[in-house]
Protein backbone atom coordinates (compact mmCIF):
# COMPACT_ATOMS: atom_id res chain seq x y z
CA UNK A 1 -40.06 95.30 -20.59
CA UNK A 2 -40.52 93.24 -23.77
CA UNK A 3 -36.82 92.37 -23.91
CA UNK A 4 -36.93 91.13 -20.30
CA UNK A 5 -39.93 88.92 -21.07
CA UNK A 6 -38.19 87.51 -24.17
CA UNK A 7 -35.07 86.72 -22.19
CA UNK A 8 -37.11 85.00 -19.50
CA UNK A 9 -38.96 82.97 -22.10
CA UNK A 10 -35.68 81.88 -23.69
CA UNK A 11 -34.27 80.90 -20.30
CA UNK A 12 -37.40 78.90 -19.42
CA UNK A 13 -37.31 77.09 -22.75
CA UNK A 14 -33.64 76.17 -22.28
CA UNK A 15 -34.18 74.80 -18.79
CA UNK A 16 -37.55 73.08 -19.16
CA UNK A 17 -37.16 69.33 -18.50
CA UNK A 18 -40.56 68.82 -20.13
CA UNK A 19 -39.41 70.38 -23.38
CA UNK A 20 -36.15 68.40 -23.31
CA UNK A 21 -38.06 65.18 -22.67
CA UNK A 22 -40.44 65.87 -25.54
CA UNK A 23 -37.59 66.51 -27.97
CA UNK A 24 -35.82 63.32 -26.84
CA UNK A 25 -39.03 61.33 -27.20
CA UNK A 26 -39.62 62.64 -30.72
CA UNK A 27 -36.03 61.92 -31.75
CA UNK A 28 -36.35 58.36 -30.41
CA UNK A 29 -39.62 57.86 -32.30
CA UNK A 30 -38.05 59.12 -35.53
CA UNK A 31 -35.05 56.80 -35.11
CA UNK A 32 -37.34 53.85 -34.36
CA UNK A 33 -39.48 54.50 -37.40
CA UNK A 34 -36.37 54.74 -39.57
CA UNK A 35 -35.44 51.11 -38.71
CA UNK A 36 -38.83 49.67 -39.65
CA UNK A 37 -39.03 47.98 -43.03
CA UNK A 38 -41.65 49.55 -45.30
CA UNK A 39 -40.82 47.46 -48.38
CA UNK A 40 -43.86 45.23 -48.90
CA UNK A 41 -42.28 42.92 -51.50
CA UNK A 42 -42.58 39.39 -50.13
CA UNK A 43 -39.27 37.53 -49.92
CA UNK A 44 -38.66 33.87 -50.58
CA UNK A 45 -39.53 31.72 -47.54
CA UNK A 46 -36.83 31.47 -44.91
CA UNK A 47 -34.38 28.69 -45.71
CA UNK A 48 -35.05 26.96 -42.38
CA UNK A 49 -38.72 26.57 -43.36
CA UNK A 50 -37.82 25.32 -46.83
CA UNK A 51 -35.36 22.75 -45.48
CA UNK A 52 -37.94 21.31 -43.08
CA UNK A 53 -40.62 21.18 -45.79
CA UNK A 54 -38.24 19.48 -48.24
CA UNK A 55 -37.33 16.90 -45.60
CA UNK A 56 -40.97 16.20 -44.80
CA UNK A 57 -42.10 15.84 -48.41
CA UNK A 58 -39.06 14.35 -50.13
CA UNK A 59 -36.81 12.44 -47.72
CA UNK A 60 -37.27 8.67 -47.58
CA UNK A 61 -36.47 6.96 -44.28
CA UNK A 62 -34.61 3.73 -45.05
CA UNK A 63 -32.84 3.04 -41.75
CA UNK A 64 -33.85 -0.27 -40.13
CA UNK A 65 -32.28 0.93 -36.87
CA UNK A 66 -34.46 4.04 -36.91
CA UNK A 67 -37.66 2.06 -37.55
CA UNK A 68 -36.92 -0.50 -34.85
CA UNK A 69 -36.02 2.23 -32.37
CA UNK A 70 -39.24 4.03 -33.34
CA UNK A 71 -41.22 0.86 -32.62
CA UNK A 72 -39.68 0.65 -29.16
CA UNK A 73 -40.33 4.36 -28.72
CA UNK A 74 -44.00 3.95 -29.70
CA UNK A 75 -44.52 1.19 -27.14
CA UNK A 76 -42.64 3.02 -24.41
CA UNK A 77 -44.48 6.28 -25.05
CA UNK A 78 -47.92 4.68 -25.00
CA UNK A 79 -46.98 2.84 -21.81
CA UNK A 80 -45.91 6.09 -20.16
CA UNK A 81 -49.28 7.55 -21.09
CA UNK A 82 -51.13 4.66 -19.48
CA UNK A 83 -49.11 5.10 -16.31
CA UNK A 84 -49.80 8.84 -16.27
CA UNK A 85 -53.53 8.16 -16.20
CA UNK A 86 -53.14 6.77 -12.67
CA UNK A 87 -52.74 10.33 -11.42
CA UNK A 88 -55.98 12.20 -10.90
CA UNK A 89 -54.55 15.61 -11.75
CA UNK A 90 -53.61 14.25 -15.17
CA UNK A 91 -56.97 12.55 -15.68
CA UNK A 92 -58.77 15.77 -14.75
CA UNK A 93 -57.16 17.72 -17.60
CA UNK A 94 -57.92 15.42 -20.53
CA UNK A 95 -61.07 14.38 -22.36
CA UNK A 96 -63.76 16.46 -24.06
CA UNK A 97 -64.23 20.12 -23.17
CA UNK A 98 -67.95 19.45 -22.82
CA UNK A 99 -68.36 16.29 -20.70
CA UNK A 100 -69.96 13.39 -22.54
CA UNK A 101 -69.07 14.61 -26.03
CA UNK A 102 -68.22 11.79 -28.45
CA UNK A 103 -66.90 12.74 -31.90
CA UNK A 104 -67.91 10.33 -34.68
CA UNK A 105 -64.79 8.82 -36.28
CA UNK A 106 -62.75 10.88 -33.83
CA UNK A 107 -59.40 10.27 -32.16
CA UNK A 108 -59.39 7.63 -29.44
CA UNK A 109 -57.25 8.34 -26.39
CA UNK A 110 -55.31 5.24 -25.26
CA UNK A 111 -56.22 4.00 -21.80
CA UNK A 112 -59.62 5.72 -21.85
CA UNK A 113 -62.96 5.47 -23.63
CA UNK A 114 -62.72 9.03 -24.98
CA UNK A 115 -63.25 9.73 -28.69
CA UNK A 116 -62.37 13.34 -29.47
CA UNK A 117 -61.72 15.83 -32.24
CA UNK A 118 -58.06 15.73 -33.34
CA UNK A 119 -57.11 18.97 -31.58
CA UNK A 120 -58.46 17.94 -28.19
CA UNK A 121 -57.28 14.39 -28.86
CA UNK A 122 -53.75 15.66 -29.45
CA UNK A 123 -53.83 17.59 -26.17
CA UNK A 124 -55.08 14.57 -24.25
CA UNK A 125 -52.60 12.09 -25.72
CA UNK A 126 -49.73 14.57 -25.43
CA UNK A 127 -50.57 15.26 -21.80
CA UNK A 128 -50.75 11.66 -20.61
CA UNK A 129 -47.50 10.86 -22.44
CA UNK A 130 -45.55 13.60 -20.66
CA UNK A 131 -47.21 13.59 -17.26
CA UNK A 132 -44.65 11.47 -15.41
CA UNK A 133 -41.52 12.70 -17.21
CA UNK A 134 -40.86 9.05 -18.11
CA UNK A 135 -40.83 9.10 -21.94
CA UNK A 136 -37.74 9.51 -24.09
CA UNK A 137 -35.25 12.35 -24.03
CA UNK A 138 -32.87 14.34 -26.23
CA UNK A 139 -30.06 16.37 -24.69
CA UNK A 140 -28.12 19.02 -26.58
CA UNK A 141 -27.93 22.82 -26.55
CA UNK A 142 -31.69 22.49 -26.01
CA UNK A 143 -33.33 19.69 -24.05
CA UNK A 144 -36.57 17.96 -24.83
CA UNK A 145 -38.60 14.82 -25.27
CA UNK A 146 -39.18 14.10 -28.97
CA UNK A 147 -41.79 11.40 -28.36
CA UNK A 148 -44.05 14.23 -27.13
CA UNK A 149 -44.80 14.66 -30.84
CA UNK A 150 -46.67 11.35 -30.86
CA UNK A 151 -49.58 13.18 -29.23
CA UNK A 152 -50.27 15.07 -32.45
CA UNK A 153 -49.14 12.41 -34.92
CA UNK A 154 -51.26 9.62 -33.41
CA UNK A 155 -54.31 11.85 -33.00
CA UNK A 156 -54.30 12.89 -36.66
CA UNK A 157 -53.47 9.42 -38.01
CA UNK A 158 -56.23 7.77 -35.97
CA UNK A 159 -58.84 10.42 -36.85
CA UNK A 160 -58.06 10.42 -40.59
CA UNK A 161 -58.06 6.62 -40.74
CA UNK A 162 -61.41 6.30 -38.97
CA UNK A 163 -62.84 9.07 -41.15
CA UNK A 164 -61.65 7.38 -44.36
CA UNK A 165 -63.09 4.03 -43.30
CA UNK A 166 -66.40 5.75 -42.54
CA UNK A 167 -66.52 7.11 -46.10
CA UNK A 168 -65.28 10.61 -45.34
CA UNK A 169 -62.25 12.62 -46.44
CA UNK A 170 -59.20 10.94 -45.02
CA UNK A 171 -56.53 8.34 -45.55
CA UNK A 172 -55.84 4.95 -44.02
CA UNK A 173 -52.58 5.09 -42.09
CA UNK A 174 -50.55 2.08 -41.05
CA UNK A 175 -48.56 1.91 -37.84
CA UNK A 176 -45.46 2.14 -40.05
CA UNK A 177 -46.66 5.55 -41.27
CA UNK A 178 -46.84 6.70 -37.66
CA UNK A 179 -43.33 5.36 -37.06
CA UNK A 180 -42.08 7.34 -40.06
CA UNK A 181 -43.78 10.44 -38.71
CA UNK A 182 -42.13 9.89 -35.33
CA UNK A 183 -38.69 9.52 -36.93
CA UNK A 184 -39.12 12.78 -38.82
CA UNK A 185 -40.53 14.67 -35.84
CA UNK A 186 -37.65 13.43 -33.69
CA UNK A 187 -35.21 14.56 -36.37
CA UNK A 188 -36.64 18.07 -36.75
CA UNK A 189 -36.85 18.72 -33.03
CA UNK A 190 -33.52 17.10 -32.27
CA UNK A 191 -31.45 18.65 -35.08
CA UNK A 192 -32.63 22.16 -34.27
CA UNK A 193 -31.90 21.46 -30.60
CA UNK A 194 -28.30 20.38 -31.28
CA UNK A 195 -26.93 23.91 -31.67
CA UNK A 196 -29.73 26.25 -30.57
CA UNK A 197 -30.50 26.93 -26.92
CA UNK A 198 -34.03 28.18 -26.39
CA UNK A 199 -33.68 27.86 -22.62
CA UNK A 200 -30.94 30.52 -22.59
CA UNK A 201 -33.45 33.08 -23.89
CA UNK A 202 -36.11 31.86 -21.45
CA UNK A 203 -38.19 29.85 -23.93
CA UNK A 204 -39.47 26.35 -23.25
CA UNK A 205 -38.39 23.50 -25.49
CA UNK A 206 -42.00 22.74 -26.45
CA UNK A 207 -41.63 25.36 -29.19
CA UNK A 208 -39.77 22.62 -31.05
CA UNK A 209 -42.53 20.11 -30.36
CA UNK A 210 -45.00 22.53 -31.92
CA UNK A 211 -42.78 23.04 -34.98
CA UNK A 212 -41.97 19.35 -35.50
CA UNK A 213 -45.56 18.19 -35.06
CA UNK A 214 -46.82 20.92 -37.39
CA UNK A 215 -44.41 19.75 -40.09
CA UNK A 216 -45.35 16.08 -39.83
CA UNK A 217 -49.12 16.44 -39.56
CA UNK A 218 -49.18 18.96 -42.42
CA UNK A 219 -48.20 16.19 -44.83
CA UNK A 220 -50.57 13.74 -43.15
CA UNK A 221 -53.39 16.22 -43.77
CA UNK A 222 -52.50 16.39 -47.46
CA UNK A 223 -50.82 19.79 -47.47
CA UNK A 224 -48.28 20.46 -50.22
CA UNK A 225 -44.75 21.83 -49.74
CA UNK A 226 -45.82 25.48 -49.78
CA UNK A 227 -48.63 24.82 -47.33
CA UNK A 228 -46.19 23.06 -45.01
CA UNK A 229 -44.01 26.19 -45.13
CA UNK A 230 -47.08 28.29 -44.34
CA UNK A 231 -48.01 26.03 -41.42
CA UNK A 232 -44.46 26.15 -40.05
CA UNK A 233 -44.53 29.94 -40.14
CA UNK A 234 -47.75 29.83 -38.13
CA UNK A 235 -46.05 27.60 -35.56
CA UNK A 236 -43.12 30.00 -35.19
CA UNK A 237 -45.32 33.11 -34.92
CA UNK A 238 -47.58 31.47 -32.34
CA UNK A 239 -46.95 32.71 -28.78
CA UNK A 240 -44.14 30.61 -27.32
CA UNK A 241 -44.17 29.16 -23.82
CA UNK A 242 -41.77 30.50 -21.19
CA UNK A 243 -39.73 28.12 -19.03
CA UNK A 244 -41.03 29.80 -15.86
CA UNK A 245 -43.01 26.74 -14.80
CA UNK A 246 -39.89 24.54 -14.88
CA UNK A 247 -37.68 26.57 -12.55
CA UNK A 248 -37.47 27.73 -8.96
CA UNK A 249 -39.41 29.35 -7.42
CA UNK A 250 -42.33 28.71 -9.82
CA UNK A 251 -42.03 25.01 -10.71
CA UNK A 252 -45.50 23.53 -11.15
CA UNK A 253 -47.60 21.04 -13.09
CA UNK A 254 -47.92 23.06 -16.28
CA UNK A 255 -44.62 21.49 -17.27
CA UNK A 256 -46.51 18.19 -17.46
CA UNK A 257 -49.10 19.41 -19.97
CA UNK A 258 -46.99 21.92 -21.91
CA UNK A 259 -46.26 19.35 -24.61
CA UNK A 260 -49.94 18.45 -24.86
CA UNK A 261 -50.67 22.12 -25.40
CA UNK A 262 -47.93 22.34 -28.06
CA UNK A 263 -49.14 19.38 -30.14
CA UNK A 264 -52.76 20.52 -29.96
CA UNK A 265 -51.71 23.95 -31.24
CA UNK A 266 -49.70 22.29 -34.01
CA UNK A 267 -52.68 20.27 -35.21
CA UNK A 268 -54.95 23.30 -35.02
CA UNK A 269 -52.55 25.49 -37.01
CA UNK A 270 -52.07 22.84 -39.71
CA UNK A 271 -55.85 22.55 -40.02
CA UNK A 272 -56.11 26.34 -40.40
CA UNK A 273 -53.69 26.20 -43.34
CA UNK A 274 -55.59 23.28 -44.86
CA UNK A 275 -58.66 25.53 -44.83
CA UNK A 276 -56.88 28.33 -46.66
CA UNK A 277 -54.89 30.27 -44.07
CA UNK A 278 -51.67 31.72 -45.47
CA UNK A 279 -48.21 32.00 -44.00
CA UNK A 280 -45.44 34.52 -43.36
CA UNK A 281 -42.40 33.74 -45.53
CA UNK A 282 -39.85 35.65 -43.41
CA UNK A 283 -41.27 34.76 -40.00
CA UNK A 284 -37.77 33.99 -38.73
CA UNK A 285 -35.66 36.65 -40.43
CA UNK A 286 -37.96 39.68 -40.67
CA UNK A 287 -36.25 42.69 -39.09
CA UNK A 288 -37.81 43.89 -35.82
CA UNK A 289 -40.89 41.64 -36.08
CA UNK A 290 -39.36 38.21 -36.84
CA UNK A 291 -38.68 35.32 -34.46
CA UNK A 292 -34.93 35.90 -34.41
CA UNK A 293 -35.17 39.59 -33.47
CA UNK A 294 -38.08 39.27 -31.04
CA UNK A 295 -37.27 36.00 -29.27
CA UNK A 296 -33.74 34.86 -30.16
CA UNK A 297 -31.61 37.96 -29.51
CA UNK A 298 -31.22 38.58 -33.23
CA UNK A 299 -29.28 35.35 -33.77
CA UNK A 300 -30.14 32.93 -36.61
CA UNK A 301 -30.43 29.20 -36.00
CA UNK A 302 -27.25 27.15 -36.43
CA UNK A 303 -27.17 23.58 -37.68
CA UNK A 304 -24.73 20.75 -37.06
CA UNK A 305 -26.07 18.23 -39.58
CA UNK A 306 -28.74 17.78 -42.30
CA UNK A 307 -32.02 16.05 -41.47
CA UNK A 308 -31.93 12.26 -41.69
CA UNK A 309 -32.66 9.69 -38.97
CA UNK A 310 -29.84 10.46 -36.51
CA UNK A 311 -32.01 11.57 -33.61
CA UNK A 312 -34.28 8.53 -33.44
CA UNK A 313 -31.26 6.23 -33.77
CA UNK A 314 -29.57 7.95 -30.82
CA UNK A 315 -32.55 8.89 -28.66
CA UNK A 316 -32.35 8.29 -24.91
CA UNK A 317 -34.93 6.13 -23.17
CA UNK A 318 -35.85 6.57 -19.52
CA UNK A 319 -35.82 2.96 -18.46
CA UNK A 320 -34.82 2.77 -14.82
CA UNK A 321 -36.34 5.84 -13.22
CA UNK A 322 -39.13 8.39 -13.82
CA UNK A 323 -36.67 11.24 -13.35
CA UNK A 324 -35.49 14.29 -15.26
CA UNK A 325 -32.86 12.83 -17.56
CA UNK A 326 -29.88 14.78 -16.27
CA UNK A 327 -30.40 12.92 -12.99
CA UNK A 328 -30.71 9.40 -14.42
CA UNK A 329 -27.08 8.43 -13.93
CA UNK A 330 -27.02 10.14 -10.52
CA UNK A 331 -29.97 8.02 -9.40
CA UNK A 332 -28.23 4.91 -10.75
CA UNK A 333 -25.06 5.80 -8.81
CA UNK A 334 -27.13 6.43 -5.67
CA UNK A 335 -28.75 3.00 -6.03
CA UNK A 336 -25.29 1.42 -6.15
CA UNK A 337 -24.21 3.34 -3.05
CA UNK A 338 -27.38 2.28 -1.23
CA UNK A 339 -26.32 -1.33 -1.75
CA UNK A 340 -22.79 -0.50 -0.59
CA UNK A 341 -24.15 1.01 2.62
CA UNK A 342 -26.46 -1.96 3.13
CA UNK A 343 -23.60 -4.44 2.67
CA UNK A 344 -21.71 -2.67 5.46
CA UNK A 345 -24.69 -2.68 7.80
CA UNK A 346 -25.11 1.07 7.36
CA UNK A 347 -27.94 3.39 6.27
CA UNK A 348 -28.28 6.91 4.93
CA UNK A 349 -28.29 8.07 8.58
CA UNK A 350 -24.55 7.31 8.68
CA UNK A 351 -23.73 9.81 5.92
CA UNK A 352 -21.90 13.02 6.84
CA UNK A 353 -21.56 14.60 3.39
CA UNK A 354 -22.25 13.92 -0.28
CA UNK A 355 -20.40 15.42 -3.24
CA UNK A 356 -22.04 15.18 -6.66
CA UNK A 357 -20.11 15.89 -9.85
CA UNK A 358 -22.45 16.63 -12.74
CA UNK A 359 -22.87 18.41 -16.09
CA UNK A 360 -23.51 22.13 -16.62
CA UNK A 361 -27.04 21.42 -17.86
CA UNK A 362 -27.98 19.67 -14.62
CA UNK A 363 -26.60 22.58 -12.61
CA UNK A 364 -28.85 24.94 -14.56
CA UNK A 365 -32.03 22.85 -14.53
CA UNK A 366 -32.25 20.64 -11.45
CA UNK A 367 -29.88 22.01 -8.80
CA UNK A 368 -32.36 23.23 -6.21
CA UNK A 369 -32.16 24.06 -2.50
CA UNK A 370 -34.84 25.09 -0.03
CA UNK A 371 -38.42 23.84 0.27
CA UNK A 372 -40.00 21.74 -2.48
CA UNK A 373 -43.68 22.50 -2.84
CA UNK A 374 -45.13 19.82 -5.11
CA UNK A 375 -44.60 16.74 -7.27
CA UNK A 376 -43.31 18.86 -10.17
CA UNK A 377 -40.79 20.55 -7.87
CA UNK A 378 -39.42 17.24 -6.61
CA UNK A 379 -39.02 15.45 -9.93
CA UNK A 380 -36.89 18.39 -11.09
CA UNK A 381 -34.50 18.47 -8.13
CA UNK A 382 -31.25 16.50 -8.43
CA UNK A 383 -30.71 16.41 -4.68
CA UNK A 384 -34.15 14.86 -4.12
CA UNK A 385 -33.56 12.25 -6.83
CA UNK A 386 -30.28 11.25 -5.17
CA UNK A 387 -31.69 11.23 -1.64
CA UNK A 388 -34.58 8.84 -2.36
CA UNK A 389 -32.41 5.96 -3.69
CA UNK A 390 -29.88 6.45 -0.90
CA UNK A 391 -32.63 6.13 1.71
CA UNK A 392 -34.99 3.58 0.16
CA UNK A 393 -33.03 1.86 -2.59
CA UNK A 394 -35.63 2.86 -5.21
CA UNK A 395 -36.98 5.79 -7.21
CA UNK A 396 -40.57 5.50 -8.48
CA UNK A 397 -43.23 7.97 -9.57
CA UNK A 398 -44.90 7.65 -6.18
CA UNK A 399 -41.71 8.83 -4.48
CA UNK A 400 -42.47 12.40 -5.55
CA UNK A 401 -45.75 12.36 -3.62
CA UNK A 402 -46.43 14.48 -0.54
CA UNK A 403 -46.59 11.33 1.59
CA UNK A 404 -43.04 10.23 0.75
CA UNK A 405 -41.68 13.79 0.77
CA UNK A 406 -42.80 14.15 4.39
CA UNK A 407 -39.92 11.89 5.48
CA UNK A 408 -37.52 14.30 7.29
CA UNK A 409 -34.50 12.22 6.23
CA UNK A 410 -34.88 13.48 2.65
CA UNK A 411 -34.26 17.14 3.45
CA UNK A 412 -31.55 16.16 5.93
CA UNK A 413 -29.68 14.39 3.12
CA UNK A 414 -30.30 17.22 0.66
CA UNK A 415 -28.66 19.62 3.10
CA UNK A 416 -25.53 17.42 3.14
CA UNK A 417 -25.07 17.57 -0.65
CA UNK A 418 -22.66 19.72 -2.63
CA UNK A 419 -23.04 19.89 -6.41
CA UNK A 420 -20.18 20.89 -8.70
CA UNK A 421 -19.87 20.98 -12.47
CA UNK A 422 -17.33 18.60 -13.97
CA UNK A 423 -16.05 20.13 -17.25
CA UNK A 424 -15.43 16.65 -18.67
CA UNK A 425 -19.05 15.66 -18.12
CA UNK A 426 -20.17 18.86 -19.85
CA UNK A 427 -17.81 18.29 -22.79
CA UNK A 428 -18.92 14.67 -23.25
CA UNK A 429 -22.54 15.74 -22.94
CA UNK A 430 -22.22 17.84 -26.12
CA UNK A 431 -19.84 15.55 -28.07
CA UNK A 432 -21.77 14.15 -31.10
CA UNK A 433 -19.99 10.78 -30.86
CA UNK A 434 -20.71 10.39 -27.13
CA UNK A 435 -23.78 12.32 -25.92
CA UNK A 436 -23.06 11.16 -22.35
CA UNK A 437 -24.98 12.36 -19.27
CA UNK A 438 -22.41 11.70 -16.57
CA UNK A 439 -22.80 11.97 -12.81
CA UNK A 440 -20.55 10.86 -9.96
CA UNK A 441 -21.29 10.62 -6.24
CA UNK A 442 -18.76 10.58 -3.40
CA UNK A 443 -19.97 9.84 0.15
CA UNK A 444 -18.14 10.60 3.38
CA UNK A 445 -19.46 8.84 6.48
CA UNK A 446 -19.80 10.34 9.95
CA UNK A 447 -16.77 8.37 11.18
CA UNK A 448 -14.65 9.98 8.45
CA UNK A 449 -14.62 6.98 6.12
CA UNK A 450 -14.85 7.83 2.42
CA UNK A 451 -16.72 5.35 0.24
CA UNK A 452 -15.41 4.72 -3.26
CA UNK A 453 -16.86 7.26 -5.66
CA UNK A 454 -19.44 5.83 -8.08
CA UNK A 455 -19.40 7.34 -11.57
CA UNK A 456 -21.93 6.55 -14.29
CA UNK A 457 -21.33 8.13 -17.69
CA UNK A 458 -24.46 7.08 -19.54
CA UNK A 459 -27.69 5.42 -18.40
CA UNK A 460 -29.17 2.14 -19.54
CA UNK A 461 -31.40 4.07 -21.96
CA UNK A 462 -28.39 5.32 -23.96
CA UNK A 463 -27.70 3.91 -27.44
CA UNK A 464 -24.41 2.42 -26.20
CA UNK A 465 -26.48 0.23 -23.85
CA UNK A 466 -29.37 -0.44 -26.27
CA UNK A 467 -28.91 -4.22 -26.31
CA UNK A 468 -28.87 -4.30 -22.52
CA UNK A 469 -31.71 -1.81 -22.25
CA UNK A 470 -34.25 -3.18 -24.75
CA UNK A 471 -35.48 -6.12 -22.61
CA UNK A 472 -35.79 -3.79 -19.62
CA UNK A 473 -37.67 -1.24 -21.75
CA UNK A 474 -40.13 -3.92 -22.87
CA UNK A 475 -40.59 -5.01 -19.25
CA UNK A 476 -41.39 -1.40 -18.39
CA UNK A 477 -44.00 -1.40 -21.18
CA UNK A 478 -45.59 -4.60 -19.88
CA UNK A 479 -45.65 -3.23 -16.35
CA UNK A 480 -47.49 -0.14 -17.53
CA UNK A 481 -49.98 -2.24 -19.51
CA UNK A 482 -50.77 -4.38 -16.48
CA UNK A 483 -51.29 -1.27 -14.40
CA UNK A 484 -54.19 -0.26 -16.66
CA UNK A 485 -55.71 -3.33 -18.35
CA UNK A 486 -56.85 -6.86 -17.47
CA UNK A 487 -54.46 -9.67 -18.42
CA UNK A 488 -56.45 -10.72 -21.48
CA UNK A 489 -56.16 -7.23 -22.95
CA UNK A 490 -52.47 -7.04 -22.03
CA UNK A 491 -51.79 -10.25 -23.94
CA UNK A 492 -53.74 -9.00 -26.96
CA UNK A 493 -51.63 -5.83 -27.08
CA UNK A 494 -48.36 -7.71 -26.65
CA UNK A 495 -49.30 -10.16 -29.41
CA UNK A 496 -49.75 -7.29 -31.88
CA UNK A 497 -46.78 -5.14 -30.80
CA UNK A 498 -43.92 -7.17 -32.25
CA UNK A 499 -41.61 -6.30 -35.12
CA UNK A 500 -44.45 -6.66 -37.66
CA UNK A 501 -46.72 -4.12 -35.92
CA UNK A 502 -46.02 -1.66 -38.72
CA UNK A 503 -48.41 -3.47 -41.07
CA UNK A 504 -51.47 -2.89 -38.85
CA UNK A 505 -53.94 -0.11 -39.60
CA UNK A 506 -53.40 2.50 -36.90
CA UNK A 507 -57.04 2.58 -35.78
CA UNK A 508 -56.98 -1.18 -35.22
CA UNK A 509 -53.87 -0.86 -33.08
CA UNK A 510 -55.28 2.05 -31.07
CA UNK A 511 -58.49 0.08 -30.47
CA UNK A 512 -56.42 -2.44 -28.51
CA UNK A 513 -55.74 0.31 -25.95
CA UNK A 514 -59.35 1.40 -25.37
CA UNK A 515 -60.40 1.17 -21.74
CA UNK A 516 -63.34 -1.19 -21.47
CA UNK A 517 -65.89 -0.45 -18.75
């Protein structure tokens, strides 16, 4: 009897899925524990952090081209912020958390009468800058808008200057100091973006805004090299934004304030370090827990070039259209074709089909079919940004509104479009000596006639067209000023915004942009 029971017990133990599962679970746990580092000796800081800190603290910017481009970038970025304030959804998000709060010697938000703490000021400035997707652009393995960093840089410079002049702890910053900060922020964001695709692991490019702003404002706040490294580690460990809000079927307005959120976090983290918070030296390379293993598929960052002033010198301005940059040349080509149709006595109603050749990046980001639910959806759809110029001969911020989108001709044209990747456009997009953003449009009419294809390799905001583009960029700035201020104030700003603007104290320059009731 006992032997039968023992045999049954052995059989049950062999066949029990519960027992097998428990053994497998324990083996997995043991293997997992064996890969965890238990050595608590702190390593030297990751080289990426050291390189950024050395650049911030030791590199002298001596490029006249970079400084002049930064001046144009400052004006354009502030103008984009003023234009963004026209939109109530943008205006609703900015300002003090508690209505009516005024911070003594605080950051002033251009185009408003707000005076805020530097963290909330950074969010507000960063949000108005980015709202319309009309500020500058950098296209590489990762995309982005380096002038987003101005939200944090300007907020800290203005606050510290006003504080110093009021007798507190601070420093008086000139506009030139802000331009230098912009050049360095552009360089950090842009050089990391050259070879490292955050979008391919689902992360939003504002991680680089957070990192670049943290680096620049750390020095502005008086942090030393080691503290800058600590602050950078805090930026990398901070929860990173997903790209979900930029892509179908979830595109929505968070993409318009994501950069504001990033610069406000950067300022806040740098202030934490100033007050004694430490860093994590191997934040990128730590096994299991580091940025590379957790968020970058175990791959280290790659670099094409050392930090200098390359990015600011080659940055792309959005001059003609408030459109996602991969669509800029497509919109320009569509404008040309609108005029061709008009010259023949035709309209978009006469179009049978449209073929668009574009780059791989555009196919991934802004190729979108089906219903478009909101402003953010429309300004990130290549087909929409081609249809509007073909129909109306224009593309403005208002053209993404519900009122314009209700025109049935837009979706009719979208349905007639075929998008294909052109390998040459993709190759020239990544080439360091070109950095083109090519698009080409071929139209076939209902009677079978094929119009000549229109190809545009780089937009007016490209460095190769800088001489042509600068007067148009300044006209864009003036247009945005006049949309917010009375003529007397517009003239006062223009008078101070010339090539010698760098010598002004930053608070005095910002005061020119205060909205007067």
